Amino acid sequence: MNVIIHEINEKLKTSDHPVARIFYKSGDSKILLIGFLKGMTLAQHKTHVPAMLVVLLSLIHISEPTRPY
C-alpha cells in the first residue's frame, strides 16, 4: 500500500484534480485510494453499489443530494 500512496502523492504534485488508484479488486469488491490536495473536489459522483468512505488524514466536506431511497 505504501507504494500506491507514494505514487498518488507524486502524481498530486502536478495534478489539479484528485488522483485515484485501485488498491484491491476481486469479484464485486474494489478498494480505491484517492488523494486530494486542499481545495480539490470530486465532481458529482454516483456509485452503482453501496460504498464506504474512510478518511485517513485531514478534514473533508461531503454534500449529497436528497436520497431517493
C-alpha atoms as a PDB file:
ATOM      1  CA  MET A   1       0.000   0.000   0.000  1.00  0.00           C
ATOM      2  CA  ASN A   2       2.871   2.401   0.731  1.00  0.00           C
ATOM      3  CA  VAL A   3       3.954   2.218  -2.917  1.00  0.00           C
ATOM      4  CA  ILE A   4       0.469   3.211  -4.087  1.00  0.00           C
ATOM      5  CA  ILE A   5       0.279   6.077  -1.576  1.00  0.00           C
ATOM      6  CA  HIS A   6       3.707   7.292  -2.719  1.00  0.00           C
ATOM      7  CA  GLU A   7       2.585   7.133  -6.371  1.00  0.00           C
ATOM      8  CA  ILE A   8      -0.581   9.112  -5.570  1.00  0.00           C
ATOM      9  CA  ASN A   9       1.432  11.758  -3.692  1.00  0.00           C
ATOM     10  CA  GLU A  10       3.863  12.103  -6.599  1.00  0.00           C
ATOM     11  CA  LYS A  11       1.024  12.480  -9.145  1.00  0.00           C
ATOM     12  CA  LEU A  12      -0.684  15.083  -6.926  1.00  0.00           C
ATOM     13  CA  LYS A  13       2.367  17.350  -7.212  1.00  0.00           C
ATOM     14  CA  THR A  14       1.440  18.124 -10.820  1.00  0.00           C
ATOM     15  CA  SER A  15      -2.310  17.465 -10.807  1.00  0.00           C
ATOM     16  CA  ASP A  16      -5.216  19.870 -10.499  1.00  0.00           C
ATOM     17  CA  HIS A  17      -7.721  17.108  -9.730  1.00  0.00           C
ATOM     18  CA  PRO A  18      -7.902  14.141  -7.318  1.00  0.00           C
ATOM     19  CA  VAL A  19      -5.732  11.114  -8.116  1.00  0.00           C
ATOM     20  CA  ALA A  20      -7.201   7.613  -7.697  1.00  0.00           C
ATOM     21  CA  ARG A  21      -5.586   4.176  -7.815  1.00  0.00           C
ATOM     22  CA  ILE A  22      -7.054   0.715  -7.300  1.00  0.00           C
ATOM     23  CA  PHE A  23      -5.657  -0.923  -4.175  1.00  0.00           C
ATOM     24  CA  TYR A  24      -7.688  -4.152  -4.264  1.00  0.00           C
ATOM     25  CA  LYS A  25     -10.142  -5.711  -6.692  1.00  0.00           C
ATOM     26  CA  SER A  26     -11.842  -9.093  -6.507  1.00  0.00           C
ATOM     27  CA  GLY A  27     -15.249 -10.033  -7.869  1.00  0.00           C
ATOM     28  CA  ASP A  28     -17.706  -7.314  -6.889  1.00  0.00           C
ATOM     29  CA  SER A  29     -15.353  -5.730  -4.341  1.00  0.00           C
ATOM     30  CA  LYS A  30     -12.957  -2.891  -5.011  1.00  0.00           C
ATOM     31  CA  ILE A  31     -10.886  -0.640  -2.762  1.00  0.00           C
ATOM     32  CA  LEU A  32      -9.815   2.699  -4.224  1.00  0.00           C
ATOM     33  CA  LEU A  33      -7.296   5.077  -2.702  1.00  0.00           C
ATOM     34  CA  ILE A  34      -7.998   8.685  -3.657  1.00  0.00           C
ATOM     35  CA  GLY A  35      -5.616  11.552  -2.930  1.00  0.00           C
ATOM     36  CA  PHE A  36      -6.764  15.160  -2.710  1.00  0.00           C
ATOM     37  CA  LEU A  37      -4.978  18.434  -2.159  1.00  0.00           C
ATOM     38  CA  LYS A  38      -6.570  21.344  -0.330  1.00  0.00           C
ATOM     39  CA  GLY A  39      -9.381  22.813  -2.411  1.00  0.00           C
ATOM     40  CA  MET A  40      -9.780  19.819  -4.734  1.00  0.00           C
ATOM     41  CA  THR A  41     -13.239  18.410  -5.246  1.00  0.00           C
ATOM     42  CA  LEU A  42     -14.609  15.214  -6.694  1.00  0.00           C
ATOM     43  CA  ALA A  43     -17.209  16.047  -9.326  1.00  0.00           C
ATOM     44  CA  GLN A  44     -20.685  14.713  -8.742  1.00  0.00           C
ATOM     45  CA  HIS A  45     -20.141  11.019  -8.405  1.00  0.00           C
ATOM     46  CA  LYS A  46     -22.584   8.160  -8.110  1.00  0.00           C
ATOM     47  CA  THR A  47     -21.743   4.549  -7.300  1.00  0.00           C
ATOM     48  CA  HIS A  48     -23.777   1.652  -8.613  1.00  0.00           C
ATOM     49  CA  VAL A  49     -23.246  -0.286  -5.386  1.00  0.00           C
ATOM     50  CA  PRO A  50     -23.160   0.753  -1.727  1.00  0.00           C
ATOM     51  CA  ALA A  51     -19.873   2.452  -0.843  1.00  0.00           C
ATOM     52  CA  MET A  52     -17.984   3.379   2.294  1.00  0.00           C
ATOM     53  CA  LEU A  53     -15.638   6.358   2.597  1.00  0.00           C
ATOM     54  CA  VAL A  54     -12.820   6.227   5.147  1.00  0.00           C
ATOM     55  CA  VAL A  55     -10.749   9.384   5.695  1.00  0.00           C
ATOM     56  CA  LEU A  56      -7.234   8.640   6.885  1.00  0.00           C
ATOM     57  CA  LEU A  57      -5.876  12.150   7.229  1.00  0.00           C
ATOM     58  CA  SER A  58      -7.402  15.639   7.128  1.00  0.00           C
ATOM     59  CA  LEU A  59     -10.917  17.024   7.029  1.00  0.00           C
ATOM     60  CA  ILE A  60     -13.473  16.714   4.255  1.00  0.00           C
ATOM     61  CA  HIS A  61     -16.834  18.183   3.381  1.00  0.00           C
ATOM     62  CA  ILE A  62     -19.434  15.879   1.879  1.00  0.00           C
ATOM     63  CA  SER A  63     -22.549  17.224   0.265  1.00  0.00           C
ATOM     64  CA  GLU A  64     -25.169  14.903  -1.032  1.00  0.00           C
ATOM     65  CA  PRO A  65     -28.466  15.489  -2.776  1.00  0.00           C
ATOM     66  CA  THR A  66     -31.644  14.246  -1.166  1.00  0.00           C
ATOM     67  CA  ARG A  67     -31.534  10.486  -1.131  1.00  0.00           C
ATOM     68  CA  PRO A  68     -34.163   8.901  -3.363  1.00  0.00           C
ATOM     69  CA  TYR A  69     -34.412   5.854  -1.082  1.00  0.00           C
END
